[in-house]
């Protein structure tokens, strides 16, 4: 199957005399405005640009009449949008929607450090028409190490409809999580989220952040942990993880927001350490079908690794 963004063909240029006196990268930016100067400079450094058959330097001056050959390379972002044969656990599909039970470890959308092997790559292989839809129809995401349900739109109309449902907070999303400590009541965390002011890869409760609301309730208590259900009104990045940390009940195994593990038996501490990810699973998804207008709902069983962790917690009470 061809790439979503195939590699551009080699470019052959002649420097016009009215660009005489400019640096090579400046001249190329005027001749190739579709590419940024930083990208052109990188190609020059990688010896992908020649002037009169010789390797070029960024700062060399052109005088007009030079024959320039440029071998464009797809950027990481462009190469991310390729179809890859990656298995998907599809729980529902019709002409409008795909509902997927995502395993922990699968990145949803390409990004820094994860330009291939994502759910987006898998979707482009599974349904080729998604190449014509922004983000291959993805309308919401799950963290790499969070498992569970998410919906993908197969048409632009459906994508617009689902985005509006998310904005209107009518999409029903419920998660199961193992929280540290004993959560002895149900409650709501309503706290704005944004980038951490110092650690930019983390999220935090910050003034003037985006509104975020998480409802939670205890389902089952263990010696030093609690199985909880979280219901989202909003879907901010790392929302449940940050909100639960803010009330001193960070998720078990969370490598970013977990902090110091709670006091527990050696067996439990070892099980949480080996679990190796935040104990969070998107268990229920409900929405209005964009075409039929019927309310639809799906549930996903707790994955095997999280179920095994819960069994250990139960045995150590």
Protein backbone atom coordinates (compact mmCIF):
# COMPACT_ATOMS: atom_id res chain seq x y z
CA UNK A 1 0.00 0.00 0.00
CA UNK A 2 1.48 3.44 -0.87
CA UNK A 3 2.48 5.90 1.83
CA UNK A 4 -0.06 8.49 2.90
CA UNK A 5 2.59 11.15 2.11
CA UNK A 6 4.93 9.63 -0.50
CA UNK A 7 8.51 10.88 -0.71
CA UNK A 8 8.79 13.92 -3.04
CA UNK A 9 10.78 13.59 -6.25
CA UNK A 10 14.24 15.07 -6.71
CA UNK A 11 14.19 18.79 -7.54
CA UNK A 12 16.42 20.50 -10.15
CA UNK A 13 16.75 24.27 -9.96
CA UNK A 14 18.77 27.08 -11.47
CA UNK A 15 19.47 30.05 -9.22
CA UNK A 16 18.02 33.23 -10.81
CA UNK A 17 20.41 36.16 -11.15
CA UNK A 18 18.11 38.40 -9.09
CA UNK A 19 18.95 36.25 -6.04
CA UNK A 20 22.69 36.90 -6.40
CA UNK A 21 24.41 37.64 -3.12
CA UNK A 22 22.04 35.60 -0.94
CA UNK A 23 23.05 32.64 1.18
CA UNK A 24 22.11 29.30 -0.32
CA UNK A 25 19.47 28.55 2.31
CA UNK A 26 17.90 32.00 1.80
CA UNK A 27 17.78 31.53 -1.96
CA UNK A 28 16.26 28.08 -1.62
CA UNK A 29 13.58 29.35 0.72
CA UNK A 30 12.51 31.86 -1.93
CA UNK A 31 12.50 29.19 -4.63
CA UNK A 32 10.87 26.50 -2.46
CA UNK A 33 8.48 28.38 -0.15
CA UNK A 34 6.60 25.17 0.66
CA UNK A 35 9.56 24.07 2.80
CA UNK A 36 10.73 25.86 5.94
CA UNK A 37 14.24 27.31 6.08
CA UNK A 38 15.12 25.02 8.99
CA UNK A 39 14.21 21.98 6.91
CA UNK A 40 16.21 23.27 3.93
CA UNK A 41 19.20 23.89 6.21
CA UNK A 42 18.93 20.35 7.54
CA UNK A 43 18.94 18.91 4.02
CA UNK A 44 22.04 20.95 3.20
CA UNK A 45 23.79 19.59 6.32
CA UNK A 46 22.78 16.06 5.33
CA UNK A 47 24.38 16.63 1.88
CA UNK A 48 21.04 16.29 0.16
CA UNK A 49 21.66 19.55 -1.72
CA UNK A 50 24.35 19.99 -4.36
CA UNK A 51 25.45 23.11 -6.22
CA UNK A 52 26.96 22.48 -9.64
CA UNK A 53 27.38 18.83 -8.65
CA UNK A 54 29.23 19.54 -5.39
CA UNK A 55 28.13 19.28 -1.78
CA UNK A 56 26.88 22.61 -0.46
CA UNK A 57 27.09 24.52 2.82
CA UNK A 58 24.33 26.51 4.43
CA UNK A 59 26.20 29.80 4.39
CA UNK A 60 27.68 29.64 0.92
CA UNK A 61 26.76 32.52 -1.34
CA UNK A 62 25.03 32.07 -4.68
CA UNK A 63 25.58 34.45 -7.61
CA UNK A 64 23.01 33.28 -10.12
CA UNK A 65 23.16 30.61 -12.80
CA UNK A 66 24.19 27.78 -10.44
CA UNK A 67 22.58 24.39 -11.02
CA UNK A 68 21.11 23.13 -7.74
CA UNK A 69 19.81 19.65 -7.02
CA UNK A 70 17.65 19.05 -3.94
CA UNK A 71 16.63 15.62 -2.68
CA UNK A 72 13.65 16.28 -0.38
CA UNK A 73 13.11 13.99 2.58
CA UNK A 74 9.80 13.45 4.31
CA UNK A 75 9.79 14.91 7.79
CA UNK A 76 9.05 12.74 10.79
CA UNK A 77 5.54 14.16 10.87
CA UNK A 78 4.93 13.31 7.22
CA UNK A 79 6.37 9.82 7.45
CA UNK A 80 4.10 9.16 10.42
CA UNK A 81 1.07 9.07 8.15
CA UNK A 82 1.76 5.72 6.53
CA UNK A 83 -0.42 2.64 6.55
CA UNK A 84 0.98 -0.19 8.67
CA UNK A 85 -0.43 -3.67 9.15
CA UNK A 86 -1.01 -3.53 12.92
CA UNK A 87 -3.76 -5.60 14.53
CA UNK A 88 -6.72 -3.71 15.98
CA UNK A 89 -9.28 -5.07 18.44
CA UNK A 90 -12.44 -3.73 16.80
CA UNK A 91 -15.57 -4.08 18.93
CA UNK A 92 -17.90 -2.28 16.50
CA UNK A 93 -17.73 -1.02 12.94
CA UNK A 94 -20.17 0.27 10.36
CA UNK A 95 -19.96 2.79 7.50
CA UNK A 96 -19.72 5.66 9.99
CA UNK A 97 -17.81 4.57 13.09
CA UNK A 98 -15.10 2.27 14.37
CA UNK A 99 -14.94 1.53 18.09
CA UNK A 100 -11.62 0.07 19.21
CA UNK A 101 -10.50 -1.61 22.42
CA UNK A 102 -6.96 -0.25 22.58
CA UNK A 103 -4.32 -2.31 24.39
CA UNK A 104 -1.88 -0.70 26.79
CA UNK A 105 1.35 0.19 25.02
CA UNK A 106 -0.21 1.30 21.73
CA UNK A 107 0.25 5.00 20.96
CA UNK A 108 -2.91 6.52 19.46
CA UNK A 109 -1.46 9.36 17.36
CA UNK A 110 2.10 9.87 16.08
CA UNK A 111 4.19 12.32 18.05
CA UNK A 112 7.67 13.00 19.36
CA UNK A 113 9.44 9.68 19.87
CA UNK A 114 6.55 7.68 18.41
CA UNK A 115 6.36 8.38 14.69
CA UNK A 116 5.41 4.83 13.66
CA UNK A 117 3.56 1.82 14.98
CA UNK A 118 0.62 3.86 16.21
CA UNK A 119 -3.11 3.29 16.10
CA UNK A 120 -3.31 5.93 13.36
CA UNK A 121 -0.93 3.87 11.21
CA UNK A 122 -3.09 0.81 11.84
CA UNK A 123 -6.28 2.68 10.95
CA UNK A 124 -4.86 3.83 7.61
CA UNK A 125 -4.17 0.18 6.77
CA UNK A 126 -7.53 -1.05 8.00
CA UNK A 127 -9.68 1.58 6.25
CA UNK A 128 -7.93 3.35 3.37
CA UNK A 129 -10.60 6.07 3.14
CA UNK A 130 -9.37 7.43 6.46
CA UNK A 131 -6.39 8.94 4.64
CA UNK A 132 -8.76 11.69 3.50
CA UNK A 133 -9.94 12.57 7.01
CA UNK A 134 -7.95 14.71 9.47
CA UNK A 135 -6.08 12.59 12.02
CA UNK A 136 -7.46 9.49 10.26
CA UNK A 137 -10.81 10.07 11.97
CA UNK A 138 -9.45 10.08 15.53
CA UNK A 139 -11.53 12.42 17.71
CA UNK A 140 -10.22 11.60 21.20
CA UNK A 141 -7.24 9.76 22.62
CA UNK A 142 -6.05 7.51 25.39
CA UNK A 143 -2.57 7.68 26.90
CA UNK A 144 -0.13 5.12 25.52
CA UNK A 145 -0.32 2.95 28.65
CA UNK A 146 -4.06 3.33 29.25
CA UNK A 147 -6.20 0.56 27.79
CA UNK A 148 -9.79 0.61 26.63
CA UNK A 149 -12.38 2.07 24.32
CA UNK A 150 -12.19 4.92 21.87
CA UNK A 151 -14.18 5.87 18.78
CA UNK A 152 -12.97 6.77 15.29
CA UNK A 153 -15.04 8.54 12.62
CA UNK A 154 -15.02 7.13 9.09
CA UNK A 155 -16.47 10.26 7.46
CA UNK A 156 -15.89 13.98 7.83
CA UNK A 157 -19.53 14.47 8.78
CA UNK A 158 -19.27 11.88 11.54
CA UNK A 159 -16.03 13.39 12.79
CA UNK A 160 -17.62 16.83 13.07
CA UNK A 161 -20.63 15.37 14.86
CA UNK A 162 -18.50 13.46 17.37
CA UNK A 163 -16.33 16.49 18.09
CA UNK A 164 -19.48 18.48 18.83
CA UNK A 165 -20.72 15.72 21.14
CA UNK A 166 -17.43 15.81 23.00
CA UNK A 167 -17.62 19.59 23.29
CA UNK A 168 -21.20 19.33 24.54
CA UNK A 169 -20.04 16.71 27.10
CA UNK A 170 -22.68 14.22 25.96
CA UNK A 171 -20.23 11.40 25.21
CA UNK A 172 -20.27 8.99 28.15
CA UNK A 173 -16.83 7.80 29.25
CA UNK A 174 -16.25 5.68 32.30
CA UNK A 175 -12.91 4.32 33.47
CA UNK A 176 -11.83 1.71 35.99
CA UNK A 177 -8.70 2.49 37.96
CA UNK A 178 -6.73 1.25 40.94
CA UNK A 179 -6.00 4.18 43.22
CA UNK A 180 -3.45 4.28 45.99
CA UNK A 181 -4.90 4.49 49.49
CA UNK A 182 -8.46 4.03 50.70
CA UNK A 183 -11.02 6.11 48.81
CA UNK A 184 -13.84 6.06 51.34
CA UNK A 185 -16.35 8.29 49.56
CA UNK A 186 -17.49 9.40 46.14
CA UNK A 187 -16.77 12.85 44.90
CA UNK A 188 -15.86 15.22 42.10
CA UNK A 189 -12.61 16.93 41.23
CA UNK A 190 -13.15 20.15 39.31
CA UNK A 191 -9.78 21.73 38.63
CA UNK A 192 -8.35 23.41 35.53
CA UNK A 193 -5.53 21.57 33.78
CA UNK A 194 -2.60 22.78 31.72
CA UNK A 195 1.07 22.13 31.08
CA UNK A 196 3.23 21.88 34.18
CA UNK A 197 5.04 25.22 34.54
CA UNK A 198 8.44 23.51 34.94
CA UNK A 199 8.14 19.94 33.62
CA UNK A 200 6.62 20.52 30.20
CA UNK A 201 5.92 16.86 29.46
CA UNK A 202 3.61 16.71 32.48
CA UNK A 203 0.19 18.18 33.12
CA UNK A 204 -0.81 19.98 36.31
CA UNK A 205 -3.60 21.90 37.99
CA UNK A 206 -2.83 25.47 36.97
CA UNK A 207 -4.54 28.87 37.04
CA UNK A 208 -6.23 29.71 33.74
CA UNK A 209 -5.93 26.11 32.52
CA UNK A 210 -8.65 24.30 30.60
CA UNK A 211 -11.73 23.31 32.63
CA UNK A 212 -11.67 19.67 33.71
CA UNK A 213 -14.21 17.67 35.71
CA UNK A 214 -13.79 14.11 37.00
CA UNK A 215 -16.40 12.23 39.05
CA UNK A 216 -15.18 9.21 41.04
CA UNK A 217 -16.57 6.55 43.33
CA UNK A 218 -15.16 3.54 45.15
CA UNK A 219 -16.09 0.08 43.91
CA UNK A 220 -13.89 -2.20 46.00
CA UNK A 221 -11.47 -1.66 48.89
CA UNK A 222 -8.19 -3.50 49.48
CA UNK A 223 -5.58 -3.23 52.20
CA UNK A 224 -3.87 -0.17 50.76
CA UNK A 225 -5.62 0.47 47.43
CA UNK A 226 -9.11 1.08 46.05
CA UNK A 227 -10.73 0.03 42.78
CA UNK A 228 -12.55 3.14 41.59
CA UNK A 229 -14.80 4.18 38.76
CA UNK A 230 -14.13 7.57 37.15
CA UNK A 231 -16.59 9.35 34.92
CA UNK A 232 -15.36 12.18 32.73
CA UNK A 233 -17.21 15.33 31.79
CA UNK A 234 -14.13 16.61 29.97
CA UNK A 235 -11.26 14.77 28.33
CA UNK A 236 -8.06 16.64 29.08
CA UNK A 237 -4.63 15.08 28.72
CA UNK A 238 -3.79 12.95 31.80
CA UNK A 239 -6.99 14.22 33.45
CA UNK A 240 -7.79 11.28 35.73
CA UNK A 241 -4.15 10.77 36.65
CA UNK A 242 -3.63 14.40 37.70
CA UNK A 243 -7.00 14.80 39.40
CA UNK A 244 -6.60 11.67 41.52
CA UNK A 245 -3.06 12.66 42.45
CA UNK A 246 -4.40 16.05 43.57
CA UNK A 247 -6.57 14.39 46.22
CA UNK A 248 -3.73 12.11 47.41
CA UNK A 249 -4.98 9.04 45.56
CA UNK A 250 -2.58 8.73 42.61
CA UNK A 251 -3.09 5.69 40.40
CA UNK A 252 -1.16 2.54 41.22
CA UNK A 253 1.84 2.04 38.97
CA UNK A 254 1.71 5.54 37.47
CA UNK A 255 5.32 6.28 36.47
CA UNK A 256 4.71 10.04 36.16
CA UNK A 257 2.17 11.01 38.81
CA UNK A 258 2.34 8.05 41.19
CA UNK A 259 4.81 9.49 43.66
CA UNK A 260 5.89 7.40 46.62
CA UNK A 261 4.02 4.05 46.72
CA UNK A 262 1.65 3.52 49.63
CA UNK A 263 2.51 1.13 52.45
CA UNK A 264 1.62 -2.37 51.35
CA UNK A 265 2.80 -5.95 51.68
CA UNK A 266 5.94 -6.98 49.76
CA UNK A 267 3.78 -9.04 47.40
CA UNK A 268 1.60 -6.05 46.54
CA UNK A 269 4.56 -3.70 46.13
CA UNK A 270 6.18 -6.21 43.78
CA UNK A 271 2.96 -6.69 41.80
CA UNK A 272 2.50 -2.94 41.33
CA UNK A 273 6.13 -2.53 40.30
CA UNK A 274 5.88 -5.34 37.76
CA UNK A 275 2.57 -3.95 36.44
CA UNK A 276 4.67 -1.17 34.95
CA UNK A 277 1.96 1.32 33.95
CA UNK A 278 -0.87 3.36 35.39
CA UNK A 279 -3.74 1.07 36.39
CA UNK A 280 -6.33 2.77 34.20
CA UNK A 281 -8.81 1.28 31.73
CA UNK A 282 -11.51 2.96 29.60
CA UNK A 283 -14.27 0.48 30.33
CA UNK A 284 -17.40 2.14 28.95
CA UNK A 285 -18.15 4.40 26.01
CA UNK A 286 -21.53 5.79 25.04
CA UNK A 287 -22.54 8.23 22.30
CA UNK A 288 -25.23 9.19 19.83
CA UNK A 289 -24.67 7.60 16.44
CA UNK A 290 -24.08 10.44 13.94
CA UNK A 291 -26.38 8.91 11.31
CA UNK A 292 -29.07 6.91 13.11
CA UNK A 293 -29.16 9.29 16.09
CA UNK A 294 -29.60 6.26 18.34
CA UNK A 295 -27.69 6.14 21.61
CA UNK A 296 -25.08 3.37 21.48
CA UNK A 297 -22.90 1.99 24.25
CA UNK A 298 -19.96 -0.40 24.46
CA UNK A 299 -18.06 -2.00 27.31
CA UNK A 300 -14.55 -3.45 27.40
CA UNK A 301 -13.43 -6.09 29.87
CA UNK A 302 -10.50 -5.27 32.13
CA UNK A 303 -7.31 -6.45 30.40
CA UNK A 304 -5.49 -9.48 31.75
CA UNK A 305 -2.62 -7.59 33.39
CA UNK A 306 -4.93 -5.30 35.35
CA UNK A 307 -7.23 -8.19 36.30
CA UNK A 308 -4.21 -10.09 37.65
CA UNK A 309 -3.16 -7.06 39.70
CA UNK A 310 -6.65 -6.79 41.20
CA UNK A 311 -6.62 -10.47 42.15
CA UNK A 312 -3.34 -9.98 44.04
CA UNK A 313 -4.78 -6.95 45.83
CA UNK A 314 -7.85 -9.00 46.84
CA UNK A 315 -5.71 -11.84 48.16
CA UNK A 316 -3.64 -9.52 50.35
CA UNK A 317 -6.55 -7.93 52.27
